[in-house]
C-alpha atoms as a PDB file:
ATOM      1  CA  MET A   1      85.149  96.907  78.064  1.00  0.00           C
ATOM      2  CA  GLU A   2      84.828  93.938  80.421  1.00  0.00           C
ATOM      3  CA  ARG A   3      86.750  93.171  83.579  1.00  0.00           C
ATOM      4  CA  ARG A   4      87.925  89.842  82.174  1.00  0.00           C
ATOM      5  CA  GLN A   5      89.435  91.593  79.148  1.00  0.00           C
ATOM      6  CA  LEU A   6      91.369  93.890  81.480  1.00  0.00           C
ATOM      7  CA  GLU A   7      92.586  90.933  83.532  1.00  0.00           C
ATOM      8  CA  TYR A   8      93.893  89.255  80.378  1.00  0.00           C
ATOM      9  CA  PHE A   9      95.484  92.530  79.270  1.00  0.00           C
ATOM     10  CA  LEU A  10      97.309  92.868  82.600  1.00  0.00           C
ATOM     11  CA  ALA A  11      98.306  89.203  82.512  1.00  0.00           C
ATOM     12  CA  VAL A  12     100.092  89.730  79.180  1.00  0.00           C
ATOM     13  CA  ILE A  13     101.976  92.693  80.682  1.00  0.00           C
ATOM     14  CA  ASP A  14     103.003  90.777  83.800  1.00  0.00           C
ATOM     15  CA  ALA A  15     103.935  87.577  81.941  1.00  0.00           C
ATOM     16  CA  GLY A  16     105.668  89.355  79.058  1.00  0.00           C
ATOM     17  CA  GLY A  17     103.766  87.492  76.347  1.00  0.00           C
ATOM     18  CA  PHE A  18     100.512  85.843  75.299  1.00  0.00           C
ATOM     19  CA  THR A  19     101.542  82.225  75.820  1.00  0.00           C
ATOM     20  CA  ALA A  20     102.722  82.708  79.405  1.00  0.00           C
ATOM     21  CA  ALA A  21      99.709  84.908  80.171  1.00  0.00           C
ATOM     22  CA  ALA A  22      97.281  82.246  78.923  1.00  0.00           C
ATOM     23  CA  ALA A  23      98.973  79.654  81.125  1.00  0.00           C
ATOM     24  CA  ALA A  24      98.803  81.948  84.152  1.00  0.00           C
ATOM     25  CA  GLN A  25      95.098  82.611  83.547  1.00  0.00           C
ATOM     26  CA  HIS A  26      94.334  78.941  82.834  1.00  0.00           C
ATOM     27  CA  VAL A  27      92.793  79.718  79.441  1.00  0.00           C
ATOM     28  CA  SER A  28      93.727  78.809  75.886  1.00  0.00           C
ATOM     29  CA  GLN A  29      96.031  81.190  74.048  1.00  0.00           C
ATOM     30  CA  PRO A  30      93.536  81.676  71.179  1.00  0.00           C
ATOM     31  CA  GLY A  31      90.855  82.584  73.727  1.00  0.00           C
ATOM     32  CA  LEU A  32      93.083  85.117  75.444  1.00  0.00           C
ATOM     33  CA  SER A  33      94.287  86.572  72.139  1.00  0.00           C
ATOM     34  CA  HIS A  34      90.693  86.944  70.953  1.00  0.00           C
ATOM     35  CA  ALA A  35      89.763  88.809  74.132  1.00  0.00           C
ATOM     36  CA  ILE A  36      92.687  91.218  73.675  1.00  0.00           C
ATOM     37  CA  LYS A  37      91.847  91.795  70.009  1.00  0.00           C
ATOM     38  CA  THR A  38      88.213  92.504  70.944  1.00  0.00           C
ATOM     39  CA  LEU A  39      89.397  95.010  73.539  1.00  0.00           C
ATOM     40  CA  GLU A  40      91.647  96.684  70.976  1.00  0.00           C
ATOM     41  CA  ARG A  41      88.725  96.974  68.524  1.00  0.00           C
ATOM     42  CA  GLU A  42      86.529  98.507  71.201  1.00  0.00           C
ATOM     43  CA  LEU A  43      89.212 101.049  72.105  1.00  0.00           C
ATOM     44  CA  GLY A  44      90.259 101.679  68.508  1.00  0.00           C
ATOM     45  CA  ALA A  45      93.952 101.223  69.197  1.00  0.00           C
ATOM     46  CA  ALA A  46      96.547  98.468  69.295  1.00  0.00           C
ATOM     47  CA  LEU A  47      97.673  97.753  72.863  1.00  0.00           C
ATOM     48  CA  PHE A  48     100.679  95.527  72.160  1.00  0.00           C
ATOM     49  CA  HIS A  49     103.474  95.203  69.682  1.00  0.00           C
ATOM     50  CA  ARG A  50     103.422  91.482  68.855  1.00  0.00           C
ATOM     51  CA  LEU A  51     107.072  90.431  68.792  1.00  0.00           C
ATOM     52  CA  PRO A  52     108.657  87.113  67.794  1.00  0.00           C
ATOM     53  CA  ARG A  53     109.362  86.556  71.476  1.00  0.00           C
ATOM     54  CA  GLY A  54     106.793  88.144  73.719  1.00  0.00           C
ATOM     55  CA  ALA A  55     104.810  91.360  73.523  1.00  0.00           C
ATOM     56  CA  ARG A  56     105.556  94.992  74.307  1.00  0.00           C
ATOM     57  CA  LEU A  57     103.088  97.726  75.197  1.00  0.00           C
ATOM     58  CA  THR A  58     102.277 100.384  72.640  1.00  0.00           C
ATOM     59  CA  ALA A  59     101.804 103.990  73.748  1.00  0.00           C
ATOM     60  CA  ALA A  60      98.057 103.332  73.955  1.00  0.00           C
ATOM     61  CA  GLY A  61      98.703 100.227  76.051  1.00  0.00           C
ATOM     62  CA  GLU A  62     100.854 102.191  78.479  1.00  0.00           C
ATOM     63  CA  VAL A  63      98.034 104.701  78.943  1.00  0.00           C
ATOM     64  CA  LEU A  64      95.524 101.922  79.650  1.00  0.00           C
ATOM     65  CA  ALA A  65      97.737  99.890  82.002  1.00  0.00           C
ATOM     66  CA  GLU A  66      97.524 102.077  85.099  1.00  0.00           C
ATOM     67  CA  SER A  67      93.749 102.580  84.779  1.00  0.00           C
ATOM     68  CA  ALA A  68      93.243  98.863  84.159  1.00  0.00           C
ATOM     69  CA  ARG A  69      95.052  97.949  87.348  1.00  0.00           C
ATOM     70  CA  ARG A  70      92.931 100.363  89.330  1.00  0.00           C
ATOM     71  CA  ILE A  71      89.681  99.105  87.781  1.00  0.00           C
ATOM     72  CA  VAL A  72      90.529  95.468  88.534  1.00  0.00           C
ATOM     73  CA  ARG A  73      91.669  96.394  92.029  1.00  0.00           C
ATOM     74  CA  GLU A  74      88.512  98.358  92.774  1.00  0.00           C
ATOM     75  CA  THR A  75      86.366  95.466  91.549  1.00  0.00           C
ATOM     76  CA  GLU A  76      88.162  93.100  93.908  1.00  0.00           C
ATOM     77  CA  ILE A  77      87.794  95.577  96.753  1.00  0.00           C
ATOM     78  CA  ALA A  78      84.068  95.964  96.087  1.00  0.00           C
ATOM     79  CA  ARG A  79      83.557  92.199  96.193  1.00  0.00           C
ATOM     80  CA  ALA A  80      85.568  91.946  99.403  1.00  0.00           C
ATOM     81  CA  ARG A  81      83.584  94.764 101.026  1.00  0.00           C
ATOM     82  CA  VAL A  82      80.320  92.992 100.332  1.00  0.00           C
ATOM     83  CA  ALA A  83      81.708  89.901 102.037  1.00  0.00           C
ATOM     84  CA  ASP A  84      82.991  92.092 104.859  1.00  0.00           C
ATOM     85  CA  VAL A  85      79.426  93.151 105.641  1.00  0.00           C
ATOM     86  CA  ALA A  86      78.713  89.485 106.329  1.00  0.00           C
ATOM     87  CA  GLY A  87      81.714  89.334 108.660  1.00  0.00           C
ATOM     88  CA  VAL A  88      83.987  87.329 106.339  1.00  0.00           C
ATOM     89  CA  VAL A  89      87.306  88.681 105.041  1.00  0.00           C
ATOM     90  CA  ILE A  90      87.975  87.222 101.596  1.00  0.00           C
ATOM     91  CA  GLY A  91      89.783  88.124  98.377  1.00  0.00           C
ATOM     92  CA  ARG A  92      93.439  88.672  97.575  1.00  0.00           C
ATOM     93  CA  LEU A  93      95.992  90.911  99.203  1.00  0.00           C
ATOM     94  CA  ASP A  94      98.998  92.066  97.178  1.00  0.00           C
ATOM     95  CA  LEU A  95     102.056  93.213  99.125  1.00  0.00           C
ATOM     96  CA  VAL A  96     105.405  94.561  97.959  1.00  0.00           C
ATOM     97  CA  ALA A  97     108.329  94.795 100.379  1.00  0.00           C
ATOM     98  CA  LEU A  98     112.073  95.104 100.774  1.00  0.00           C
ATOM     99  CA  PRO A  99     113.564  91.604 101.206  1.00  0.00           C
ATOM    100  CA  GLY A 100     114.705  92.175 104.789  1.00  0.00           C
ATOM    101  CA  LEU A 101     111.201  93.181 105.815  1.00  0.00           C
ATOM    102  CA  LEU A 102     109.787  89.875 104.577  1.00  0.00           C
ATOM    103  CA  VAL A 103     111.670  88.227 107.444  1.00  0.00           C
ATOM    104  CA  ASP A 104     110.504  90.770 110.013  1.00  0.00           C
ATOM    105  CA  PRO A 105     107.917  92.133 110.603  1.00  0.00           C
ATOM    106  CA  LEU A 106     105.963  90.557 107.710  1.00  0.00           C
ATOM    107  CA  ALA A 107     106.505  86.811 108.202  1.00  0.00           C
ATOM    108  CA  GLU A 108     105.180  86.664 111.760  1.00  0.00           C
ATOM    109  CA  THR A 109     102.335  89.043 110.957  1.00  0.00           C
ATOM    110  CA  ILE A 110     101.256  87.044 107.917  1.00  0.00           C
ATOM    111  CA  GLY A 111     101.253  83.903 110.034  1.00  0.00           C
ATOM    112  CA  ARG A 112      98.774  85.506 112.427  1.00  0.00           C
ATOM    113  CA  PHE A 113      96.771  86.951 109.536  1.00  0.00           C
ATOM    114  CA  ARG A 114      96.387  83.552 107.870  1.00  0.00           C
ATOM    115  CA  ALA A 115      95.129  82.026 111.114  1.00  0.00           C
ATOM    116  CA  LEU A 116      92.475  84.731 111.360  1.00  0.00           C
ATOM    117  CA  HIS A 117      91.553  85.044 107.669  1.00  0.00           C
ATOM    118  CA  PRO A 118      92.235  81.743 105.862  1.00  0.00           C
ATOM    119  CA  GLN A 119      90.085  82.704 102.856  1.00  0.00           C
ATOM    120  CA  VAL A 120      92.429  85.517 101.810  1.00  0.00           C
ATOM    121  CA  GLN A 121      95.081  84.732  99.199  1.00  0.00           C
ATOM    122  CA  ILE A 122      98.288  86.694  99.790  1.00  0.00           C
ATOM    123  CA  ARG A 123     100.788  87.552  97.058  1.00  0.00           C
ATOM    124  CA  ILE A 124     104.145  88.999  98.143  1.00  0.00           C
ATOM    125  CA  VAL A 125     106.562  90.570  95.675  1.00  0.00           C
ATOM    126  CA  PRO A 126     110.077  91.528  96.846  1.00  0.00           C
ATOM    127  CA  ALA A 127     111.555  94.796  95.609  1.00  0.00           C
ATOM    128  CA  GLU A 128     115.106  96.044  96.060  1.00  0.00           C
ATOM    129  CA  THR A 129     114.479  99.798  96.158  1.00  0.00           C
ATOM    130  CA  PRO A 130     112.002 102.103  97.924  1.00  0.00           C
ATOM    131  CA  ALA A 131     111.252 103.758  94.573  1.00  0.00           C
ATOM    132  CA  THR A 132     110.052 100.434  93.150  1.00  0.00           C
ATOM    133  CA  ILE A 133     107.775  99.958  96.154  1.00  0.00           C
ATOM    134  CA  ARG A 134     106.294 103.442  95.877  1.00  0.00           C
ATOM    135  CA  GLU A 135     105.571 102.917  92.187  1.00  0.00           C
ATOM    136  CA  ALA A 136     103.942  99.531  92.804  1.00  0.00           C
ATOM    137  CA  VAL A 137     101.585 100.966  95.411  1.00  0.00           C
ATOM    138  CA  ARG A 138     100.894 104.121  93.458  1.00  0.00           C
ATOM    139  CA  GLY A 139     100.180 102.200  90.251  1.00  0.00           C
ATOM    140  CA  GLY A 140      97.974  99.581  91.885  1.00  0.00           C
ATOM    141  CA  THR A 141     100.250  96.563  91.431  1.00  0.00           C
ATOM    142  CA  ALA A 142     100.203  96.186  95.215  1.00  0.00           C
ATOM    143  CA  GLU A 143      97.779  97.531  97.781  1.00  0.00           C
ATOM    144  CA  LEU A 144     100.316  97.717 100.610  1.00  0.00           C
ATOM    145  CA  GLY A 145     104.061  98.290 100.568  1.00  0.00           C
ATOM    146  CA  MET A 146     106.729  97.948 103.240  1.00  0.00           C
ATOM    147  CA  THR A 147     109.814 100.083 102.898  1.00  0.00           C
ATOM    148  CA  ASP A 148     112.493 101.904 104.872  1.00  0.00           C
ATOM    149  CA  GLU A 149     112.101 105.267 103.165  1.00  0.00           C
ATOM    150  CA  GLU A 150     109.271 107.668 103.905  1.00  0.00           C
ATOM    151  CA  PRO A 151     107.656 109.069 100.720  1.00  0.00           C
ATOM    152  CA  GLY A 152     107.191 112.755 100.033  1.00  0.00           C
ATOM    153  CA  SER A 153     104.380 114.602 101.730  1.00  0.00           C
ATOM    154  CA  GLY A 154     100.963 113.823 100.219  1.00  0.00           C
ATOM    155  CA  GLU A 155     102.356 111.270  97.759  1.00  0.00           C
ATOM    156  CA  LEU A 156     101.003 108.220  99.592  1.00  0.00           C
ATOM    157  CA  ALA A 157      99.514 107.467 102.992  1.00  0.00           C
ATOM    158  CA  VAL A 158     102.230 106.212 105.336  1.00  0.00           C
ATOM    159  CA  ASP A 159     102.418 104.581 108.773  1.00  0.00           C
ATOM    160  CA  LEU A 160     105.523 104.102 110.907  1.00  0.00           C
ATOM    161  CA  VAL A 161     105.483 100.404 111.897  1.00  0.00           C
ATOM    162  CA  THR A 162     108.756  99.878 113.775  1.00  0.00           C
ATOM    163  CA  ASP A 163     112.497 100.386 113.495  1.00  0.00           C
ATOM    164  CA  GLN A 164     115.340  97.925 112.969  1.00  0.00           C
ATOM    165  CA  GLU A 165     119.014  97.818 113.881  1.00  0.00           C
ATOM    166  CA  PHE A 166     121.661  96.706 111.389  1.00  0.00           C
ATOM    167  CA  LEU A 167     124.473  94.372 112.474  1.00  0.00           C
ATOM    168  CA  ALA A 168     127.837  93.519 111.003  1.00  0.00           C
ATOM    169  CA  VAL A 169     127.894  89.866 109.892  1.00  0.00           C
ATOM    170  CA  LEU A 170     131.471  88.586 109.870  1.00  0.00           C
ATOM    171  CA  PRO A 171     132.552  85.281 108.315  1.00  0.00           C
ATOM    172  CA  PRO A 172     132.990  82.289 110.643  1.00  0.00           C
ATOM    173  CA  GLY A 173     136.330  82.319 112.439  1.00  0.00           C
ATOM    174  CA  SER A 174     136.886  86.068 112.080  1.00  0.00           C
ATOM    175  CA  ALA A 175     139.230  87.536 114.685  1.00  0.00           C
ATOM    176  CA  VAL A 176     137.302  90.464 116.102  1.00  0.00           C
ATOM    177  CA  PRO A 177     137.166  91.846 119.678  1.00  0.00           C
ATOM    178  CA  GLU A 178     134.025  91.633 121.779  1.00  0.00           C
ATOM    179  CA  GLY A 179     131.745  94.662 121.888  1.00  0.00           C
ATOM    180  CA  ASP A 180     130.491  97.048 119.234  1.00  0.00           C
ATOM    181  CA  LEU A 181     132.436  97.217 115.992  1.00  0.00           C
ATOM    182  CA  PRO A 182     133.750 100.734 115.286  1.00  0.00           C
ATOM    183  CA  LEU A 183     132.818 101.937 111.826  1.00  0.00           C
ATOM    184  CA  ARG A 184     136.444 102.858 111.093  1.00  0.00           C
ATOM    185  CA  THR A 185     137.408  99.245 111.790  1.00  0.00           C
ATOM    186  CA  LEU A 186     134.582  97.943 109.599  1.00  0.00           C
ATOM    187  CA  LEU A 187     135.620 100.172 106.700  1.00  0.00           C
ATOM    188  CA  GLY A 188     139.097  98.661 106.846  1.00  0.00           C
ATOM    189  CA  MET A 189     137.675  95.178 106.322  1.00  0.00           C
ATOM    190  CA  ASP A 190     136.554  93.400 103.171  1.00  0.00           C
ATOM    191  CA  VAL A 191     133.002  94.721 102.944  1.00  0.00           C
ATOM    192  CA  VAL A 192     130.180  93.167 100.943  1.00  0.00           C
ATOM    193  CA  THR A 193     127.429  95.686 100.274  1.00  0.00           C
ATOM    194  CA  GLY A 194     124.875  96.939  97.785  1.00  0.00           C
ATOM    195  CA  PRO A 195     125.265  99.546  95.058  1.00  0.00           C
ATOM    196  CA  VAL A 196     125.145 103.302  95.589  1.00  0.00           C
ATOM    197  CA  GLY A 197     121.627 104.323  96.608  1.00  0.00           C
ATOM    198  CA  THR A 198     120.983 101.405  98.946  1.00  0.00           C
ATOM    199  CA  THR A 199     120.581 101.939 102.710  1.00  0.00           C
ATOM    200  CA  VAL A 200     123.794 100.329 103.920  1.00  0.00           C
ATOM    201  CA  ARG A 201     126.031 101.636 101.123  1.00  0.00           C
ATOM    202  CA  ASP A 202     124.841 105.216 101.620  1.00  0.00           C
ATOM    203  CA  PHE A 203     125.247 104.947 105.411  1.00  0.00           C
ATOM    204  CA  LEU A 204     128.799 103.686 105.048  1.00  0.00           C
ATOM    205  CA  ALA A 205     129.645 106.321 102.438  1.00  0.00           C
ATOM    206  CA  PHE A 206     128.289 109.149 104.610  1.00  0.00           C
ATOM    207  CA  HIS A 207     130.331 108.191 107.670  1.00  0.00           C
ATOM    208  CA  ALA A 208     133.375 107.220 105.635  1.00  0.00           C
ATOM    209  CA  ALA A 209     133.470 110.704 104.132  1.00  0.00           C
ATOM    210  CA  GLY A 210     133.620 112.170 107.631  1.00  0.00           C
ATOM    211  CA  LEU A 211     136.560 109.915 108.433  1.00  0.00           C
ATOM    212  CA  GLY A 212     138.329 110.649 105.169  1.00  0.00           C
ATOM    213  CA  ILE A 213     137.907 107.054 104.036  1.00  0.00           C
ATOM    214  CA  GLU A 214     136.559 105.783 100.722  1.00  0.00           C
ATOM    215  CA  VAL A 215     134.101 102.890 100.600  1.00  0.00           C
ATOM    216  CA  THR A 216     135.443 100.221  98.260  1.00  0.00           C
ATOM    217  CA  PRO A 217     133.440  96.995  98.677  1.00  0.00           C
ATOM    218  CA  VAL A 218     135.172  93.782  97.696  1.00  0.00           C
ATOM    219  CA  VAL A 219     131.809  92.511  96.425  1.00  0.00           C
ATOM    220  CA  GLU A 220     128.929  94.722  95.316  1.00  0.00           C
ATOM    221  CA  VAL A 221     125.631  92.821  95.158  1.00  0.00           C
ATOM    222  CA  ALA A 222     122.167  94.230  94.576  1.00  0.00           C
ATOM    223  CA  LEU A 223     120.271  91.469  96.400  1.00  0.00           C
ATOM    224  CA  ARG A 224     120.646  92.009 100.130  1.00  0.00           C
ATOM    225  CA  GLY A 225     119.958  88.362 100.905  1.00  0.00           C
ATOM    226  CA  SER A 226     122.930  87.393  98.755  1.00  0.00           C
ATOM    227  CA  ALA A 227     125.231  89.420 101.019  1.00  0.00           C
ATOM    228  CA  ALA A 228     124.320  87.056 103.853  1.00  0.00           C
ATOM    229  CA  TYR A 229     125.386  84.001 101.843  1.00  0.00           C
ATOM    230  CA  LEU A 230     128.615  85.719 100.842  1.00  0.00           C
ATOM    231  CA  ALA A 231     129.463  86.495 104.470  1.00  0.00           C
ATOM    232  CA  ILE A 232     128.744  82.890 105.465  1.00  0.00           C
ATOM    233  CA  ALA A 233     131.040  81.708 102.648  1.00  0.00           C
ATOM    234  CA  GLY A 234     133.848  83.969 103.853  1.00  0.00           C
ATOM    235  CA  ALA A 235     133.788  86.461 100.980  1.00  0.00           C
ATOM    236  CA  GLY A 236     133.578  89.472 103.285  1.00  0.00           C
ATOM    237  CA  VAL A 237     131.665  91.320 105.981  1.00  0.00           C
ATOM    238  CA  ALA A 238     128.000  92.097 105.350  1.00  0.00           C
ATOM    239  CA  VAL A 239     125.815  94.627 107.147  1.00  0.00           C
ATOM    240  CA  LEU A 240     122.285  93.302 107.497  1.00  0.00           C
ATOM    241  CA  PRO A 241     119.044  94.043 109.368  1.00  0.00           C
ATOM    242  CA  LEU A 242     119.005  92.307 112.759  1.00  0.00           C
ATOM    243  CA  PRO A 243     116.337  89.674 111.870  1.00  0.00           C
ATOM    244  CA  MET A 244     118.237  88.627 108.742  1.00  0.00           C
ATOM    245  CA  ALA A 245     121.573  88.712 110.590  1.00  0.00           C
ATOM    246  CA  GLU A 246     120.191  86.479 113.351  1.00  0.00           C
ATOM    247  CA  MET A 247     119.161  83.891 110.760  1.00  0.00           C
ATOM    248  CA  CYS A 248     122.853  83.574 109.805  1.00  0.00           C
ATOM    249  CA  ARG A 249     123.997  82.817 113.359  1.00  0.00           C
ATOM    250  CA  SER A 250     123.538  79.055 113.023  1.00  0.00           C
ATOM    251  CA  TYR A 251     126.152  79.058 110.230  1.00  0.00           C
ATOM    252  CA  GLY A 252     128.855  80.190 112.641  1.00  0.00           C
ATOM    253  CA  VAL A 253     129.059  83.856 111.633  1.00  0.00           C
ATOM    254  CA  ILE A 254     130.023  86.490 114.173  1.00  0.00           C
ATOM    255  CA  LEU A 255     127.544  89.312 114.783  1.00  0.00           C
ATOM    256  CA  ARG A 256     128.490  92.753 116.052  1.00  0.00           C
ATOM    257  CA  SER A 257     126.544  95.959 116.576  1.00  0.00           C
ATOM    258  CA  LEU A 258     128.009  99.015 114.876  1.00  0.00           C
ATOM    259  CA  ASP A 259     129.465 102.147 116.457  1.00  0.00           C
ATOM    260  CA  PRO A 260     127.889 104.509 115.554  1.00  0.00           C
ATOM    261  CA  PRO A 261     124.736 102.395 115.226  1.00  0.00           C
ATOM    262  CA  LEU A 262     122.766 102.040 112.009  1.00  0.00           C
ATOM    263  CA  ARG A 263     118.999 101.879 112.364  1.00  0.00           C
ATOM    264  CA  ARG A 264     116.175 102.250 109.882  1.00  0.00           C
ATOM    265  CA  ASN A 265     112.502 103.028 110.213  1.00  0.00           C
ATOM    266  CA  VAL A 266     110.004 100.611 108.699  1.00  0.00           C
ATOM    267  CA  TYR A 267     107.003 102.177 106.950  1.00  0.00           C
ATOM    268  CA  LEU A 268     103.735 100.792 105.629  1.00  0.00           C
ATOM    269  CA  LEU A 269     102.638 102.508 102.410  1.00  0.00           C
ATOM    270  CA  ARG A 270      99.136 102.637 100.940  1.00  0.00           C
ATOM    271  CA  ARG A 271      97.213 104.815  98.558  1.00  0.00           C
ATOM    272  CA  THR A 272      95.039 107.502 100.075  1.00  0.00           C
ATOM    273  CA  GLY A 273      91.408 106.470 100.437  1.00  0.00           C
ATOM    274  CA  SER A 274      89.776 103.344 101.778  1.00  0.00           C
ATOM    275  CA  LEU A 275      91.453  99.946 101.880  1.00  0.00           C
ATOM    276  CA  SER A 276      90.067  96.536 101.034  1.00  0.00           C
ATOM    277  CA  PRO A 277      88.928  94.543 104.081  1.00  0.00           C
ATOM    278  CA  ALA A 278      91.979  92.276 103.741  1.00  0.00           C
ATOM    279  CA  ALA A 279      94.405  95.212 103.623  1.00  0.00           C
ATOM    280  CA  ARG A 280      92.587  96.858 106.514  1.00  0.00           C
ATOM    281  CA  ALA A 281      92.934  93.669 108.572  1.00  0.00           C
ATOM    282  CA  MET A 282      96.645  93.403 107.745  1.00  0.00           C
ATOM    283  CA  ARG A 283      97.233  97.041 108.729  1.00  0.00           C
ATOM    284  CA  ALA A 284      95.443  96.427 112.029  1.00  0.00           C
ATOM    285  CA  LEU A 285      97.850  93.578 112.840  1.00  0.00           C
ATOM    286  CA  LEU A 286     100.913  95.617 111.909  1.00  0.00           C
ATOM    287  CA  LEU A 287      99.651  98.690 113.802  1.00  0.00           C
ATOM    288  CA  PRO A 288      97.561  97.419 116.731  1.00  0.00           C
ATOM    289  CA  ASP A 289      97.471 100.882 118.324  1.00  0.00           C
ATOM    290  CA  ALA A 290      96.433 102.753 115.165  1.00  0.00           C
END
């Protein structure tokens, strides 16, 4: 079983089919298909159901997938560690993060990281739920994850990076008094928010229950960034992390802090054990006092 075979195997999973995987790997489809068939012969099991449109993992393929990601990851880490001995940080760093955290603190940190380590390729994947981020880090799809929900004890290594305030983002021209916006007042407005289980929706539901009010958003949207566009367009009031809310200011929206305030902690997740040099360097920038 060769590393290249595992890379092709994972490429088919990520691309959803052989043709797209071959294009992503810059190889011919017959060459990639031959490598997968050779791997299947060596393992004595079919790894994919070949479908008219795409490919789906068999039970054997599902068993191999997690181990394959870890093997490929460890190979990349080993190569990077050798380079690290020579004082050069190289390789690839895979990150998964909630969309709001891409704006802050990741964007500024990645800018500094790239200036220091230009030979590292960074891949960032947005995820809408903390559960998706935990699974990506646990399964090896990403080496680092940024989320607003602390995992269970012992599940993953976790660092507290910072905290963020959420602001109400009101459409341009909204008639609203100066000062903090009482939550009771907000709940009486046309609210744009995410589905049940998201940070803002659960916060609003918790406090609304105490006030005897039911949360009934006029627009429910899973992508938090979309709530910003909807507020700008006048569809309703969004509640967004401060960095994302500030980016909307130039469009004429009105920003208000909430009363009571809504804040969230920002955590950096990683698997237990040693990190690649690139991930270690990124963690050092995010946590200079660690």
